[in-house]
Amino acid sequence: MFTVEQLVEKISVAEQQMDYVRHPEGLYKPIRYILSEGGKRIRPLLVLMAYNLFKDDVDDAMSLALGLELYHNHTLMHDDVMDNADMRRNKPTVHKVWNENTAILSGDAMLLLACKYVSRVPEKYAGDIMSLFLETALEICEGQQLDMEFERRNDVSAEEYIEMIRLKTAVLLACSLKGGAMLGGVSADDAEKIYNFGLYMGLTFQLQDDLLDVYGDPAVFGKNIGGDILCDKKTFLLIKAEELAMGQQREILDKYIGNQNCDREEKIKAVISVYNALNVRGLCEERMEQYFERGMEALDEMSVPAAKKTVLKEFAISLLHRNL
């Protein structure tokens, strides 16, 4: 079994050898820029770790790993345009370095490159892998649409939010795991179990992101703190606060949520004060723990020797305990 560090090194070497040095330079330079920004390479790691549960020659799963990482960064490039985000991984976003048109077009090119890499899996698995990938990509678009619609609603429930992040975030982690396992020759039953493991890890991961946006260290998180609050983004924290707020807390939320003309720092500070008073952080952490446990149960049920699942388990635990 490979360690996470060994797999990261393999992914890094493979990324440097990717064959997308084409013209015009202006289309591909933003792609190299966003890929060079860093990131944990979670999705390609999950592909290789899932494959490694069954086979040792992880290089045979690298095209799928690279394809899903390209796809993920394609979504980030477009999301940053839609969110008008200034920073990504401690660096200016692509549309800030270049412009929105460049970010959209280079993002489209990344999507097509992703399809090319995903399609390079062995012919025996190509149809099923591509079907899984395309269904996942469509679900992510559905999740993004729900996310945008939620911005115009004041009645979003916690369960609606969970369904949105399942689509927008969790399904790609689940796809990465299931795709890697499929290439390794997983049984149909275990394929669904590892997919469910990925779903629950994805839900946990996104709820953690909600916390990091409010309580994280910008130097660690890679984005400015309070961005979700400033753009009135429906997160688990805000939804629960809206549900529970009364009296003074309700007055504060009514004053600041939806108000784009107030002082930015004042708004962040005021809304966080409501979060603290209502302990929505604790509620979010409780939900995270529930999903994490369900994911671990799904992984434990797979008919794979426990020792082989150690690296994957430890990686999942490290995601749950990212620095706040």
C-alpha atoms as a PDB file:
ATOM      1  CA  MET A   1       0.000   0.000   0.000  1.00  0.00           C
ATOM      2  CA  PHE A   2       1.221   3.493  -0.849  1.00  0.00           C
ATOM      3  CA  THR A   3       1.283   6.294   1.708  1.00  0.00           C
ATOM      4  CA  VAL A   4      -0.477   9.603   1.068  1.00  0.00           C
ATOM      5  CA  GLU A   5       2.902  11.291   0.640  1.00  0.00           C
ATOM      6  CA  GLN A   6       3.961   8.769  -2.007  1.00  0.00           C
ATOM      7  CA  LEU A   7       0.701   9.216  -3.904  1.00  0.00           C
ATOM      8  CA  VAL A   8       0.985  13.012  -3.767  1.00  0.00           C
ATOM      9  CA  GLU A   9       4.457  12.744  -5.284  1.00  0.00           C
ATOM     10  CA  LYS A  10       3.159  10.491  -8.062  1.00  0.00           C
ATOM     11  CA  ILE A  11       0.359  12.949  -8.816  1.00  0.00           C
ATOM     12  CA  SER A  12       2.787  15.875  -8.845  1.00  0.00           C
ATOM     13  CA  VAL A  13       5.082  14.123 -11.327  1.00  0.00           C
ATOM     14  CA  ALA A  14       2.139  13.138 -13.529  1.00  0.00           C
ATOM     15  CA  GLU A  15       0.789  16.706 -13.535  1.00  0.00           C
ATOM     16  CA  GLN A  16       4.140  18.022 -14.715  1.00  0.00           C
ATOM     17  CA  GLN A  17       3.994  15.597 -17.633  1.00  0.00           C
ATOM     18  CA  MET A  18       0.461  16.490 -18.731  1.00  0.00           C
ATOM     19  CA  ASP A  19       0.240  17.043 -22.476  1.00  0.00           C
ATOM     20  CA  TYR A  20      -1.705  20.261 -22.827  1.00  0.00           C
ATOM     21  CA  VAL A  21       1.112  22.512 -24.038  1.00  0.00           C
ATOM     22  CA  ARG A  22      -0.810  23.950 -26.965  1.00  0.00           C
ATOM     23  CA  HIS A  23      -1.569  27.304 -28.528  1.00  0.00           C
ATOM     24  CA  PRO A  24      -2.679  29.990 -28.059  1.00  0.00           C
ATOM     25  CA  GLU A  25      -0.700  30.496 -24.886  1.00  0.00           C
ATOM     26  CA  GLY A  26      -3.385  32.786 -23.458  1.00  0.00           C
ATOM     27  CA  LEU A  27      -5.841  29.897 -23.224  1.00  0.00           C
ATOM     28  CA  TYR A  28      -3.550  27.513 -21.333  1.00  0.00           C
ATOM     29  CA  LYS A  29      -1.556  29.863 -19.102  1.00  0.00           C
ATOM     30  CA  PRO A  30      -4.508  30.314 -16.678  1.00  0.00           C
ATOM     31  CA  ILE A  31      -4.806  26.519 -16.470  1.00  0.00           C
ATOM     32  CA  ARG A  32      -1.169  26.183 -15.461  1.00  0.00           C
ATOM     33  CA  TYR A  33      -1.699  29.041 -13.009  1.00  0.00           C
ATOM     34  CA  ILE A  34      -4.641  27.489 -11.159  1.00  0.00           C
ATOM     35  CA  LEU A  35      -2.995  24.044 -11.076  1.00  0.00           C
ATOM     36  CA  SER A  36       0.198  25.603  -9.683  1.00  0.00           C
ATOM     37  CA  GLU A  37      -1.721  27.276  -6.846  1.00  0.00           C
ATOM     38  CA  GLY A  38      -1.399  24.168  -4.738  1.00  0.00           C
ATOM     39  CA  GLY A  39      -4.346  22.519  -3.073  1.00  0.00           C
ATOM     40  CA  LYS A  40      -4.469  19.156  -1.372  1.00  0.00           C
ATOM     41  CA  ARG A  41      -5.203  17.150  -4.551  1.00  0.00           C
ATOM     42  CA  ILE A  42      -7.945  15.388  -2.612  1.00  0.00           C
ATOM     43  CA  ARG A  43      -9.828  14.004  -5.598  1.00  0.00           C
ATOM     44  CA  PRO A  44      -6.890  12.400  -7.425  1.00  0.00           C
ATOM     45  CA  LEU A  45      -5.674  11.058  -4.092  1.00  0.00           C
ATOM     46  CA  LEU A  46      -9.039   9.404  -3.505  1.00  0.00           C
ATOM     47  CA  VAL A  47      -8.920   7.824  -6.974  1.00  0.00           C
ATOM     48  CA  LEU A  48      -5.505   6.308  -6.317  1.00  0.00           C
ATOM     49  CA  MET A  49      -6.258   5.256  -2.734  1.00  0.00           C
ATOM     50  CA  ALA A  50      -9.472   3.512  -3.828  1.00  0.00           C
ATOM     51  CA  TYR A  51      -7.629   1.778  -6.661  1.00  0.00           C
ATOM     52  CA  ASN A  52      -4.855   0.777  -4.245  1.00  0.00           C
ATOM     53  CA  LEU A  53      -7.371  -1.106  -2.115  1.00  0.00           C
ATOM     54  CA  PHE A  54      -7.428  -3.701  -4.900  1.00  0.00           C
ATOM     55  CA  LYS A  55      -4.285  -3.279  -7.014  1.00  0.00           C
ATOM     56  CA  ASP A  56      -0.775  -1.911  -6.565  1.00  0.00           C
ATOM     57  CA  ASP A  57      -0.012  -0.462 -10.013  1.00  0.00           C
ATOM     58  CA  VAL A  58      -1.645   2.915  -9.234  1.00  0.00           C
ATOM     59  CA  ASP A  59      -0.164   4.542 -12.339  1.00  0.00           C
ATOM     60  CA  ASP A  60      -2.846   2.685 -14.286  1.00  0.00           C
ATOM     61  CA  ALA A  61      -5.458   4.866 -12.559  1.00  0.00           C
ATOM     62  CA  MET A  62      -3.568   8.129 -13.055  1.00  0.00           C
ATOM     63  CA  SER A  63      -5.465   9.306 -16.139  1.00  0.00           C
ATOM     64  CA  LEU A  64      -8.733   9.216 -14.194  1.00  0.00           C
ATOM     65  CA  ALA A  65      -7.067  10.944 -11.230  1.00  0.00           C
ATOM     66  CA  LEU A  66      -5.751  13.753 -13.439  1.00  0.00           C
ATOM     67  CA  GLY A  67      -9.043  14.058 -15.294  1.00  0.00           C
ATOM     68  CA  LEU A  68     -11.030  14.557 -12.103  1.00  0.00           C
ATOM     69  CA  GLU A  69      -8.509  17.080 -10.771  1.00  0.00           C
ATOM     70  CA  LEU A  70      -8.775  19.039 -14.028  1.00  0.00           C
ATOM     71  CA  TYR A  71     -12.540  18.924 -13.766  1.00  0.00           C
ATOM     72  CA  HIS A  72     -12.502  20.079 -10.147  1.00  0.00           C
ATOM     73  CA  ASN A  73     -10.317  23.069 -10.992  1.00  0.00           C
ATOM     74  CA  HIS A  74     -12.569  23.876 -13.936  1.00  0.00           C
ATOM     75  CA  THR A  75     -15.454  24.224 -11.464  1.00  0.00           C
ATOM     76  CA  LEU A  76     -13.341  26.401  -9.172  1.00  0.00           C
ATOM     77  CA  MET A  77     -12.390  28.741 -12.010  1.00  0.00           C
ATOM     78  CA  HIS A  78     -16.034  29.226 -12.966  1.00  0.00           C
ATOM     79  CA  ASP A  79     -17.274  29.376  -9.350  1.00  0.00           C
ATOM     80  CA  ASP A  80     -14.823  32.192  -8.622  1.00  0.00           C
ATOM     81  CA  VAL A  81     -16.271  34.189 -11.511  1.00  0.00           C
ATOM     82  CA  MET A  82     -19.848  33.605 -10.323  1.00  0.00           C
ATOM     83  CA  ASP A  83     -18.925  34.462  -6.717  1.00  0.00           C
ATOM     84  CA  ASN A  84     -16.661  37.364  -7.740  1.00  0.00           C
ATOM     85  CA  ALA A  85     -14.042  35.861  -5.422  1.00  0.00           C
ATOM     86  CA  ASP A  86     -10.765  37.727  -5.037  1.00  0.00           C
ATOM     87  CA  MET A  87      -8.578  34.975  -3.586  1.00  0.00           C
ATOM     88  CA  ARG A  88      -8.118  31.241  -4.021  1.00  0.00           C
ATOM     89  CA  ARG A  89      -5.437  29.345  -2.075  1.00  0.00           C
ATOM     90  CA  ASN A  90      -3.783  32.581  -0.983  1.00  0.00           C
ATOM     91  CA  LYS A  91      -3.404  33.835  -4.561  1.00  0.00           C
ATOM     92  CA  PRO A  92      -5.559  36.119  -6.727  1.00  0.00           C
ATOM     93  CA  THR A  93      -8.205  34.227  -8.656  1.00  0.00           C
ATOM     94  CA  VAL A  94      -7.854  33.693 -12.403  1.00  0.00           C
ATOM     95  CA  HIS A  95     -10.429  36.310 -13.359  1.00  0.00           C
ATOM     96  CA  LYS A  96      -8.635  38.868 -11.197  1.00  0.00           C
ATOM     97  CA  VAL A  97      -5.227  38.125 -12.754  1.00  0.00           C
ATOM     98  CA  TRP A  98      -6.667  38.102 -16.284  1.00  0.00           C
ATOM     99  CA  ASN A  99     -10.385  38.832 -16.756  1.00  0.00           C
ATOM    100  CA  GLU A 100     -13.762  37.083 -16.608  1.00  0.00           C
ATOM    101  CA  ASN A 101     -13.843  36.110 -20.285  1.00  0.00           C
ATOM    102  CA  THR A 102     -10.453  34.428 -20.005  1.00  0.00           C
ATOM    103  CA  ALA A 103     -11.518  32.559 -16.867  1.00  0.00           C
ATOM    104  CA  ILE A 104     -14.687  31.294 -18.556  1.00  0.00           C
ATOM    105  CA  LEU A 105     -12.933  30.153 -21.722  1.00  0.00           C
ATOM    106  CA  SER A 106      -9.943  28.590 -19.955  1.00  0.00           C
ATOM    107  CA  GLY A 107     -12.380  26.887 -17.599  1.00  0.00           C
ATOM    108  CA  ASP A 108     -14.181  25.427 -20.602  1.00  0.00           C
ATOM    109  CA  ALA A 109     -10.856  24.185 -21.966  1.00  0.00           C
ATOM    110  CA  MET A 110     -10.161  22.505 -18.612  1.00  0.00           C
ATOM    111  CA  LEU A 111     -13.490  20.690 -18.838  1.00  0.00           C
ATOM    112  CA  LEU A 112     -12.598  19.307 -22.262  1.00  0.00           C
ATOM    113  CA  LEU A 113      -9.126  18.308 -21.109  1.00  0.00           C
ATOM    114  CA  ALA A 114     -10.748  16.544 -18.160  1.00  0.00           C
ATOM    115  CA  CYS A 115     -12.938  14.544 -20.536  1.00  0.00           C
ATOM    116  CA  LYS A 116      -9.876  13.562 -22.551  1.00  0.00           C
ATOM    117  CA  TYR A 117      -8.071  12.237 -19.499  1.00  0.00           C
ATOM    118  CA  VAL A 118     -11.092  10.450 -18.075  1.00  0.00           C
ATOM    119  CA  SER A 119     -11.642   8.725 -21.428  1.00  0.00           C
ATOM    120  CA  ARG A 120      -8.101   7.274 -21.355  1.00  0.00           C
ATOM    121  CA  VAL A 121      -8.995   4.574 -18.839  1.00  0.00           C
ATOM    122  CA  PRO A 122      -8.779   0.949 -20.062  1.00  0.00           C
ATOM    123  CA  GLU A 123     -11.440   0.201 -22.676  1.00  0.00           C
ATOM    124  CA  LYS A 124     -13.003  -2.447 -20.431  1.00  0.00           C
ATOM    125  CA  TYR A 125     -14.071   0.276 -17.969  1.00  0.00           C
ATOM    126  CA  ALA A 126     -14.368   3.284 -20.273  1.00  0.00           C
ATOM    127  CA  GLY A 127     -18.132   3.253 -20.725  1.00  0.00           C
ATOM    128  CA  ASP A 128     -18.999   2.870 -17.059  1.00  0.00           C
ATOM    129  CA  ILE A 129     -16.366   5.372 -15.916  1.00  0.00           C
ATOM    130  CA  MET A 130     -17.451   8.004 -18.436  1.00  0.00           C
ATOM    131  CA  SER A 131     -21.096   7.480 -17.497  1.00  0.00           C
ATOM    132  CA  LEU A 132     -20.221   7.962 -13.806  1.00  0.00           C
ATOM    133  CA  PHE A 133     -18.194  11.076 -14.595  1.00  0.00           C
ATOM    134  CA  LEU A 134     -20.835  12.721 -16.788  1.00  0.00           C
ATOM    135  CA  GLU A 135     -23.631  12.016 -14.310  1.00  0.00           C
ATOM    136  CA  THR A 136     -21.460  13.501 -11.562  1.00  0.00           C
ATOM    137  CA  ALA A 137     -20.669  16.599 -13.642  1.00  0.00           C
ATOM    138  CA  LEU A 138     -24.383  17.119 -14.336  1.00  0.00           C
ATOM    139  CA  GLU A 139     -25.211  16.750 -10.630  1.00  0.00           C
ATOM    140  CA  ILE A 140     -22.573  19.355  -9.769  1.00  0.00           C
ATOM    141  CA  CYS A 141     -24.226  21.803 -12.173  1.00  0.00           C
ATOM    142  CA  GLU A 142     -27.537  21.075 -10.451  1.00  0.00           C
ATOM    143  CA  GLY A 143     -25.944  21.775  -7.093  1.00  0.00           C
ATOM    144  CA  GLN A 144     -24.468  25.049  -8.314  1.00  0.00           C
ATOM    145  CA  GLN A 145     -27.857  26.136  -9.656  1.00  0.00           C
ATOM    146  CA  LEU A 146     -29.496  25.378  -6.298  1.00  0.00           C
ATOM    147  CA  ASP A 147     -26.736  27.341  -4.569  1.00  0.00           C
ATOM    148  CA  MET A 148     -27.463  30.374  -6.741  1.00  0.00           C
ATOM    149  CA  GLU A 149     -31.223  30.048  -6.242  1.00  0.00           C
ATOM    150  CA  PHE A 150     -30.771  29.841  -2.481  1.00  0.00           C
ATOM    151  CA  GLU A 151     -29.162  33.292  -2.540  1.00  0.00           C
ATOM    152  CA  ARG A 152     -32.562  34.747  -3.493  1.00  0.00           C
ATOM    153  CA  ARG A 153     -34.524  32.790  -0.876  1.00  0.00           C
ATOM    154  CA  ASN A 154     -35.024  33.406   2.823  1.00  0.00           C
ATOM    155  CA  ASP A 155     -36.697  30.091   3.597  1.00  0.00           C
ATOM    156  CA  VAL A 156     -33.966  27.561   2.777  1.00  0.00           C
ATOM    157  CA  SER A 157     -34.082  24.650   5.205  1.00  0.00           C
ATOM    158  CA  ALA A 158     -31.073  22.811   6.589  1.00  0.00           C
ATOM    159  CA  GLU A 159     -32.060  19.668   4.690  1.00  0.00           C
ATOM    160  CA  GLU A 160     -32.352  21.567   1.402  1.00  0.00           C
ATOM    161  CA  TYR A 161     -28.883  22.900   2.042  1.00  0.00           C
ATOM    162  CA  ILE A 162     -27.528  19.413   2.724  1.00  0.00           C
ATOM    163  CA  GLU A 163     -28.982  18.200  -0.584  1.00  0.00           C
ATOM    164  CA  MET A 164     -27.359  21.126  -2.382  1.00  0.00           C
ATOM    165  CA  ILE A 165     -23.885  20.408  -0.966  1.00  0.00           C
ATOM    166  CA  ARG A 166     -24.370  16.704  -1.676  1.00  0.00           C
ATOM    167  CA  LEU A 167     -24.695  17.638  -5.330  1.00  0.00           C
ATOM    168  CA  LYS A 168     -22.197  20.466  -5.483  1.00  0.00           C
ATOM    169  CA  THR A 169     -19.376  18.927  -3.444  1.00  0.00           C
ATOM    170  CA  ALA A 170     -19.942  15.397  -2.151  1.00  0.00           C
ATOM    171  CA  VAL A 171     -20.713  13.597  -5.417  1.00  0.00           C
ATOM    172  CA  LEU A 172     -17.278  14.394  -6.893  1.00  0.00           C
ATOM    173  CA  LEU A 173     -15.499  12.876  -3.898  1.00  0.00           C
ATOM    174  CA  ALA A 174     -17.795   9.848  -4.175  1.00  0.00           C
ATOM    175  CA  CYS A 175     -17.120   9.635  -7.922  1.00  0.00           C
ATOM    176  CA  SER A 176     -13.368   9.747  -7.306  1.00  0.00           C
ATOM    177  CA  LEU A 177     -13.532   6.836  -4.890  1.00  0.00           C
ATOM    178  CA  LYS A 178     -15.958   4.753  -6.894  1.00  0.00           C
ATOM    179  CA  GLY A 179     -14.114   5.400 -10.154  1.00  0.00           C
ATOM    180  CA  GLY A 180     -10.767   4.361  -8.691  1.00  0.00           C
ATOM    181  CA  ALA A 181     -12.326   1.271  -7.129  1.00  0.00           C
ATOM    182  CA  MET A 182     -14.004   0.342 -10.423  1.00  0.00           C
ATOM    183  CA  LEU A 183     -10.652   0.432 -12.189  1.00  0.00           C
ATOM    184  CA  GLY A 184      -9.332  -1.836  -9.440  1.00  0.00           C
ATOM    185  CA  GLY A 185     -12.049  -4.419 -10.126  1.00  0.00           C
ATOM    186  CA  VAL A 186     -14.371  -3.716  -7.173  1.00  0.00           C
ATOM    187  CA  SER A 187     -17.610  -5.678  -6.795  1.00  0.00           C
ATOM    188  CA  ALA A 188     -20.898  -3.862  -7.429  1.00  0.00           C
ATOM    189  CA  ASP A 189     -21.815  -4.064  -3.747  1.00  0.00           C
ATOM    190  CA  ASP A 190     -18.523  -2.616  -2.536  1.00  0.00           C
ATOM    191  CA  ALA A 191     -18.646   0.040  -5.268  1.00  0.00           C
ATOM    192  CA  GLU A 192     -21.816   1.440  -3.715  1.00  0.00           C
ATOM    193  CA  LYS A 193     -20.344   1.282  -0.220  1.00  0.00           C
ATOM    194  CA  ILE A 194     -17.252   3.230  -1.176  1.00  0.00           C
ATOM    195  CA  TYR A 195     -19.452   5.693  -3.056  1.00  0.00           C
ATOM    196  CA  ASN A 196     -21.532   6.235   0.097  1.00  0.00           C
ATOM    197  CA  PHE A 197     -18.340   6.650   2.101  1.00  0.00           C
ATOM    198  CA  GLY A 198     -17.377   9.419  -0.316  1.00  0.00           C
ATOM    199  CA  LEU A 199     -20.772  11.096  -0.063  1.00  0.00           C
ATOM    200  CA  TYR A 200     -20.625  11.308   3.712  1.00  0.00           C
ATOM    201  CA  MET A 201     -17.029  12.485   3.649  1.00  0.00           C
ATOM    202  CA  GLY A 202     -18.043  15.151   1.122  1.00  0.00           C
ATOM    203  CA  LEU A 203     -20.849  16.408   3.335  1.00  0.00           C
ATOM    204  CA  THR A 204     -18.464  16.537   6.272  1.00  0.00           C
ATOM    205  CA  PHE A 205     -15.857  18.323   4.163  1.00  0.00           C
ATOM    206  CA  GLN A 206     -18.264  21.039   2.993  1.00  0.00           C
ATOM    207  CA  LEU A 207     -19.654  21.680   6.462  1.00  0.00           C
ATOM    208  CA  GLN A 208     -16.044  22.052   7.575  1.00  0.00           C
ATOM    209  CA  ASP A 209     -15.601  24.647   4.823  1.00  0.00           C
ATOM    210  CA  ASP A 210     -18.587  26.552   6.206  1.00  0.00           C
ATOM    211  CA  LEU A 211     -16.844  26.661   9.578  1.00  0.00           C
ATOM    212  CA  LEU A 212     -13.494  27.619   8.090  1.00  0.00           C
ATOM    213  CA  ASP A 213     -14.999  30.579   6.253  1.00  0.00           C
ATOM    214  CA  VAL A 214     -16.090  32.018   9.599  1.00  0.00           C
ATOM    215  CA  TYR A 215     -13.616  30.668  12.130  1.00  0.00           C
ATOM    216  CA  GLY A 216     -10.593  29.719  10.040  1.00  0.00           C
ATOM    217  CA  ASP A 217      -7.135  31.226   9.763  1.00  0.00           C
ATOM    218  CA  PRO A 218      -6.840  32.921   6.327  1.00  0.00           C
ATOM    219  CA  ALA A 219      -3.194  31.839   6.093  1.00  0.00           C
ATOM    220  CA  VAL A 220      -4.286  28.203   6.425  1.00  0.00           C
ATOM    221  CA  PHE A 221      -7.655  28.353   4.683  1.00  0.00           C
ATOM    222  CA  GLY A 222      -6.355  30.245   1.641  1.00  0.00           C
ATOM    223  CA  LYS A 223      -9.339  32.612   1.436  1.00  0.00           C
ATOM    224  CA  ASN A 224     -10.424  35.730   3.250  1.00  0.00           C
ATOM    225  CA  ILE A 225     -12.551  35.037   6.307  1.00  0.00           C
ATOM    226  CA  GLY A 226     -16.208  36.063   6.243  1.00  0.00           C
ATOM    227  CA  GLY A 227     -16.705  35.877   2.491  1.00  0.00           C
ATOM    228  CA  ASP A 228     -19.860  33.799   2.844  1.00  0.00           C
ATOM    229  CA  ILE A 229     -21.294  36.339   5.282  1.00  0.00           C
ATOM    230  CA  LEU A 230     -20.515  39.301   3.036  1.00  0.00           C
ATOM    231  CA  CYS A 231     -22.321  37.787   0.055  1.00  0.00           C
ATOM    232  CA  ASP A 232     -25.217  36.479   2.198  1.00  0.00           C
ATOM    233  CA  LYS A 233     -24.389  32.939   1.154  1.00  0.00           C
ATOM    234  CA  LYS A 234     -26.726  30.319   2.551  1.00  0.00           C
ATOM    235  CA  THR A 235     -24.544  28.077   4.677  1.00  0.00           C
ATOM    236  CA  PHE A 236     -25.485  25.631   7.402  1.00  0.00           C
ATOM    237  CA  LEU A 237     -24.418  28.256   9.945  1.00  0.00           C
ATOM    238  CA  LEU A 238     -26.617  31.023   8.539  1.00  0.00           C
ATOM    239  CA  ILE A 239     -29.597  28.738   7.986  1.00  0.00           C
ATOM    240  CA  LYS A 240     -29.507  27.490  11.578  1.00  0.00           C
ATOM    241  CA  ALA A 241     -29.026  31.046  12.863  1.00  0.00           C
ATOM    242  CA  GLU A 242     -32.062  32.233  10.884  1.00  0.00           C
ATOM    243  CA  GLU A 243     -34.028  29.307  12.285  1.00  0.00           C
ATOM    244  CA  LEU A 244     -33.081  29.947  15.929  1.00  0.00           C
ATOM    245  CA  ALA A 245     -32.673  33.728  16.182  1.00  0.00           C
ATOM    246  CA  MET A 246     -35.045  35.733  18.350  1.00  0.00           C
ATOM    247  CA  GLY A 247     -34.978  39.160  19.935  1.00  0.00           C
ATOM    248  CA  GLN A 248     -31.674  40.978  19.540  1.00  0.00           C
ATOM    249  CA  GLN A 249     -30.134  38.210  17.398  1.00  0.00           C
ATOM    250  CA  ARG A 250     -33.092  38.436  15.002  1.00  0.00           C
ATOM    251  CA  GLU A 251     -32.684  42.207  14.785  1.00  0.00           C
ATOM    252  CA  ILE A 252     -29.010  41.852  13.919  1.00  0.00           C
ATOM    253  CA  LEU A 253     -29.655  39.320  11.175  1.00  0.00           C
ATOM    254  CA  ASP A 254     -32.502  41.415   9.738  1.00  0.00           C
ATOM    255  CA  LYS A 255     -30.197  44.440   9.714  1.00  0.00           C
ATOM    256  CA  TYR A 256     -27.216  42.844   8.002  1.00  0.00           C
ATOM    257  CA  ILE A 257     -28.337  39.871   5.901  1.00  0.00           C
ATOM    258  CA  GLY A 258     -29.217  41.175   2.469  1.00  0.00           C
ATOM    259  CA  ASN A 259     -27.623  44.548   3.196  1.00  0.00           C
ATOM    260  CA  GLN A 260     -24.764  45.199   0.786  1.00  0.00           C
ATOM    261  CA  ASN A 261     -24.318  48.838   1.753  1.00  0.00           C
ATOM    262  CA  CYS A 262     -23.078  48.391   5.328  1.00  0.00           C
ATOM    263  CA  ASP A 263     -19.464  48.329   6.481  1.00  0.00           C
ATOM    264  CA  ARG A 264     -17.918  44.964   5.561  1.00  0.00           C
ATOM    265  CA  GLU A 265     -16.011  44.362   8.785  1.00  0.00           C
ATOM    266  CA  GLU A 266     -18.961  45.498  10.866  1.00  0.00           C
ATOM    267  CA  LYS A 267     -21.243  43.032   9.088  1.00  0.00           C
ATOM    268  CA  ILE A 268     -18.869  40.101   9.585  1.00  0.00           C
ATOM    269  CA  LYS A 269     -18.372  40.903  13.259  1.00  0.00           C
ATOM    270  CA  ALA A 270     -22.099  41.335  13.916  1.00  0.00           C
ATOM    271  CA  VAL A 271     -23.184  38.125  12.209  1.00  0.00           C
ATOM    272  CA  ILE A 272     -20.454  36.090  13.902  1.00  0.00           C
ATOM    273  CA  SER A 273     -21.644  37.454  17.239  1.00  0.00           C
ATOM    274  CA  VAL A 274     -25.056  35.938  16.489  1.00  0.00           C
ATOM    275  CA  TYR A 275     -23.476  32.632  15.487  1.00  0.00           C
ATOM    276  CA  ASN A 276     -21.593  32.555  18.781  1.00  0.00           C
ATOM    277  CA  ALA A 277     -24.647  33.429  20.851  1.00  0.00           C
ATOM    278  CA  LEU A 278     -26.722  30.684  19.231  1.00  0.00           C
ATOM    279  CA  ASN A 279     -23.880  28.108  19.175  1.00  0.00           C
ATOM    280  CA  VAL A 280     -24.486  27.280  15.525  1.00  0.00           C
ATOM    281  CA  ARG A 281     -20.835  26.247  15.324  1.00  0.00           C
ATOM    282  CA  GLY A 282     -21.588  23.444  17.777  1.00  0.00           C
ATOM    283  CA  LEU A 283     -24.646  22.386  15.771  1.00  0.00           C
ATOM    284  CA  CYS A 284     -22.544  22.274  12.608  1.00  0.00           C
ATOM    285  CA  GLU A 285     -19.832  20.223  14.287  1.00  0.00           C
ATOM    286  CA  GLU A 286     -22.447  17.813  15.613  1.00  0.00           C
ATOM    287  CA  ARG A 287     -23.839  17.262  12.110  1.00  0.00           C
ATOM    288  CA  MET A 288     -20.318  16.790  10.764  1.00  0.00           C
ATOM    289  CA  GLU A 289     -19.649  14.081  13.319  1.00  0.00           C
ATOM    290  CA  GLN A 290     -22.860  12.267  12.353  1.00  0.00           C
ATOM    291  CA  TYR A 291     -21.921  12.200   8.676  1.00  0.00           C
ATOM    292  CA  PHE A 292     -18.352  11.206   9.453  1.00  0.00           C
ATOM    293  CA  GLU A 293     -19.518   8.210  11.481  1.00  0.00           C
ATOM    294  CA  ARG A 294     -21.903   7.107   8.723  1.00  0.00           C
ATOM    295  CA  GLY A 295     -19.099   7.310   6.203  1.00  0.00           C
ATOM    296  CA  MET A 296     -16.791   5.223   8.365  1.00  0.00           C
ATOM    297  CA  GLU A 297     -19.539   2.634   8.769  1.00  0.00           C
ATOM    298  CA  ALA A 298     -19.869   2.347   4.997  1.00  0.00           C
ATOM    299  CA  LEU A 299     -16.104   1.923   4.617  1.00  0.00           C
ATOM    300  CA  ASP A 300     -15.980  -0.668   7.412  1.00  0.00           C
ATOM    301  CA  GLU A 301     -18.666  -2.714   5.653  1.00  0.00           C
ATOM    302  CA  MET A 302     -16.554  -3.125   2.502  1.00  0.00           C
ATOM    303  CA  SER A 303     -15.219  -6.635   2.005  1.00  0.00           C
ATOM    304  CA  VAL A 304     -11.603  -5.430   1.954  1.00  0.00           C
ATOM    305  CA  PRO A 305      -9.054  -6.358   4.658  1.00  0.00           C
ATOM    306  CA  ALA A 306      -9.063  -3.737   7.411  1.00  0.00           C
ATOM    307  CA  ALA A 307      -5.318  -3.143   7.092  1.00  0.00           C
ATOM    308  CA  LYS A 308      -5.757  -2.034   3.479  1.00  0.00           C
ATOM    309  CA  LYS A 309      -8.294   0.606   4.522  1.00  0.00           C
ATOM    310  CA  THR A 310      -5.974   2.251   7.059  1.00  0.00           C
ATOM    311  CA  VAL A 311      -4.507   4.887   4.727  1.00  0.00           C
ATOM    312  CA  LEU A 312      -7.957   5.892   3.479  1.00  0.00           C
ATOM    313  CA  LYS A 313      -9.328   6.090   7.019  1.00  0.00           C
ATOM    314  CA  GLU A 314      -6.430   8.193   8.255  1.00  0.00           C
ATOM    315  CA  PHE A 315      -6.805  10.534   5.292  1.00  0.00           C
ATOM    316  CA  ALA A 316     -10.512  10.984   6.016  1.00  0.00           C
ATOM    317  CA  ILE A 317      -9.727  11.772   9.659  1.00  0.00           C
ATOM    318  CA  SER A 318      -7.173  14.384   8.570  1.00  0.00           C
ATOM    319  CA  LEU A 319      -9.867  16.127   6.495  1.00  0.00           C
ATOM    320  CA  LEU A 320     -12.185  16.275   9.469  1.00  0.00           C
ATOM    321  CA  HIS A 321      -9.514  17.938  11.594  1.00  0.00           C
ATOM    322  CA  ARG A 322      -8.305  20.628   9.234  1.00  0.00           C
ATOM    323  CA  ASN A 323      -7.021  23.659  11.141  1.00  0.00           C
ATOM    324  CA  LEU A 324      -9.594  26.209  12.234  1.00  0.00           C
END
